[in-house]
Amino acid sequence: MIDISALPLLTRRLKRLPAVRRARPAWTSEGLHRVDVVVPDTERAALLLEYASPLFPAEVVSGSSLTVRLQPPAGAGWVIELLSLVDRWLESTRLPSTTVLYGGRSYLVRAPLDLAHLVEPAAATTPTF
């Protein structure tokens, strides 16, 4: 009998055929899905509902985590509206980030950085040469 450990590694490997997947961008308008935004508490959920109601049909969904479910409208441009909405909501609630669930994927959306505190203030006097 042949000792399998004596065979070179390349001959022992099974050949794998690459999986065939249909490439589809995550944020498409075809086959609209719901968008879930994970919120930490009911007060922040109420604020997100208030911000979202002029743009999207929305509802609060209880489960393992509290989420606000949004229904994107048909057509293009809703992604930018959604990200602007989440951006504004994160700023107003002073949350560093939230999770957005869409199309079987999870996205971490971070609050915009306030870079003003990182820039050194201009000197009060003009430099002399």
Protein backbone atom coordinates (compact mmCIF):
# COMPACT_ATOMS: atom_id res chain seq x y z
CA MET A 1 0.00 0.00 0.00
CA ILE A 2 1.18 3.54 -0.74
CA ASP A 3 1.76 5.89 2.18
CA ILE A 4 -0.32 8.99 1.36
CA SER A 5 1.97 11.27 3.36
CA ALA A 6 4.80 10.38 0.98
CA LEU A 7 2.95 11.85 -2.05
CA PRO A 8 3.69 15.44 -2.91
CA LEU A 9 1.23 17.98 -1.55
CA LEU A 10 0.09 19.06 -5.02
CA THR A 11 -1.04 15.59 -6.01
CA ARG A 12 -3.03 15.18 -2.81
CA ARG A 13 -5.04 18.37 -3.25
CA LEU A 14 -8.49 17.99 -4.67
CA LYS A 15 -9.21 20.12 -7.65
CA ARG A 16 -11.90 22.64 -6.88
CA LEU A 17 -13.99 24.19 -9.55
CA PRO A 18 -14.75 27.84 -8.94
CA ALA A 19 -18.29 28.50 -7.84
CA VAL A 20 -20.39 30.23 -10.44
CA ARG A 21 -22.08 33.29 -8.96
CA ARG A 22 -24.14 35.89 -10.65
CA ALA A 23 -22.41 39.17 -9.99
CA ARG A 24 -24.84 41.79 -8.74
CA PRO A 25 -24.04 45.01 -6.97
CA ALA A 26 -25.39 45.14 -3.44
CA TRP A 27 -27.29 48.40 -3.93
CA THR A 28 -29.52 47.87 -6.93
CA SER A 29 -33.08 48.86 -7.59
CA GLU A 30 -33.95 45.54 -9.21
CA GLY A 31 -35.72 43.16 -6.86
CA LEU A 32 -36.30 45.77 -4.18
CA HIS A 33 -35.69 44.57 -0.67
CA ARG A 34 -36.41 46.11 2.65
CA VAL A 35 -33.69 48.08 4.40
CA ASP A 36 -33.29 47.54 8.14
CA VAL A 37 -31.43 50.05 10.30
CA VAL A 38 -30.39 48.73 13.72
CA VAL A 39 -31.19 51.22 16.50
CA PRO A 40 -30.12 51.06 20.16
CA ASP A 41 -33.34 52.27 21.83
CA THR A 42 -36.91 53.40 21.22
CA GLU A 43 -36.15 57.14 21.48
CA ARG A 44 -33.61 56.96 18.67
CA ALA A 45 -35.96 54.71 16.69
CA ALA A 46 -38.68 57.37 16.99
CA LEU A 47 -36.27 60.04 15.73
CA LEU A 48 -35.26 57.89 12.76
CA LEU A 49 -38.94 57.30 11.94
CA GLU A 50 -39.53 61.05 12.07
CA TYR A 51 -36.62 61.70 9.68
CA ALA A 52 -37.53 58.82 7.35
CA SER A 53 -41.29 59.33 7.05
CA PRO A 54 -41.11 62.01 4.31
CA LEU A 55 -38.78 59.80 2.23
CA PHE A 56 -39.66 56.16 2.83
CA PRO A 57 -42.47 54.06 4.30
CA ALA A 58 -41.04 53.00 7.68
CA GLU A 59 -41.91 50.92 10.73
CA VAL A 60 -40.26 49.78 13.95
CA VAL A 61 -39.61 46.04 14.11
CA SER A 62 -38.84 44.26 17.35
CA GLY A 63 -36.72 41.15 17.34
CA SER A 64 -33.32 40.12 18.56
CA SER A 65 -32.40 43.76 18.01
CA LEU A 66 -34.60 46.82 17.60
CA THR A 67 -34.67 47.90 13.96
CA VAL A 68 -36.38 50.46 11.79
CA ARG A 69 -37.49 48.90 8.54
CA LEU A 70 -37.56 51.13 5.47
CA GLN A 71 -39.03 50.31 2.08
CA PRO A 72 -37.01 51.90 -0.73
CA PRO A 73 -39.04 53.42 -3.55
CA ALA A 74 -38.83 52.25 -7.14
CA GLY A 75 -36.31 54.01 -9.31
CA ALA A 76 -32.81 55.31 -8.88
CA GLY A 77 -31.45 57.70 -6.29
CA TRP A 78 -32.91 56.14 -3.19
CA VAL A 79 -29.52 54.92 -1.96
CA ILE A 80 -28.15 58.45 -1.70
CA GLU A 81 -31.31 59.57 0.10
CA LEU A 82 -31.00 56.62 2.48
CA LEU A 83 -27.33 57.28 3.27
CA SER A 84 -28.02 60.99 3.78
CA LEU A 85 -30.87 60.10 6.11
CA VAL A 86 -28.72 57.71 8.17
CA ASP A 87 -25.90 60.27 8.21
CA ARG A 88 -28.16 63.02 9.56
CA TRP A 89 -29.70 60.65 12.10
CA LEU A 90 -26.27 59.52 13.38
CA GLU A 91 -25.16 63.13 13.78
CA SER A 92 -28.28 64.16 15.68
CA THR A 93 -28.19 61.15 18.03
CA ARG A 94 -24.41 61.37 18.52
CA LEU A 95 -24.00 57.69 17.70
CA PRO A 96 -20.64 56.66 16.22
CA SER A 97 -22.15 54.09 13.83
CA THR A 98 -25.06 51.84 13.01
CA THR A 99 -25.66 48.67 11.05
CA VAL A 100 -27.76 48.72 7.89
CA LEU A 101 -29.08 45.39 6.61
CA TYR A 102 -30.00 45.08 2.94
CA GLY A 103 -30.24 42.23 0.46
CA GLY A 104 -28.83 39.64 2.85
CA ARG A 105 -25.78 41.80 3.60
CA SER A 106 -24.75 43.89 6.56
CA TYR A 107 -23.17 47.34 6.22
CA LEU A 108 -21.53 49.39 8.96
CA VAL A 109 -22.34 53.06 8.46
CA ARG A 110 -20.18 55.44 10.47
CA ALA A 111 -21.03 58.96 11.49
CA PRO A 112 -19.19 61.65 9.57
CA LEU A 113 -16.02 62.83 11.24
CA ASP A 114 -15.93 66.30 12.68
CA LEU A 115 -12.45 67.28 11.58
CA ALA A 116 -12.59 70.80 13.04
CA HIS A 117 -11.15 69.67 16.36
CA LEU A 118 -8.20 67.99 14.60
CA VAL A 119 -7.05 71.14 12.81
CA GLU A 120 -4.80 73.44 14.82
CA PRO A 121 -6.30 76.88 15.27
CA ALA A 122 -4.62 79.65 13.32
CA ALA A 123 -2.12 81.68 15.28
CA ALA A 124 -3.53 84.89 16.74
CA THR A 125 -0.64 86.92 15.40
CA THR A 126 0.90 86.85 11.98
CA PRO A 127 4.36 85.36 11.84
CA THR A 128 7.24 87.79 11.53
CA PHE A 129 10.11 87.17 9.15
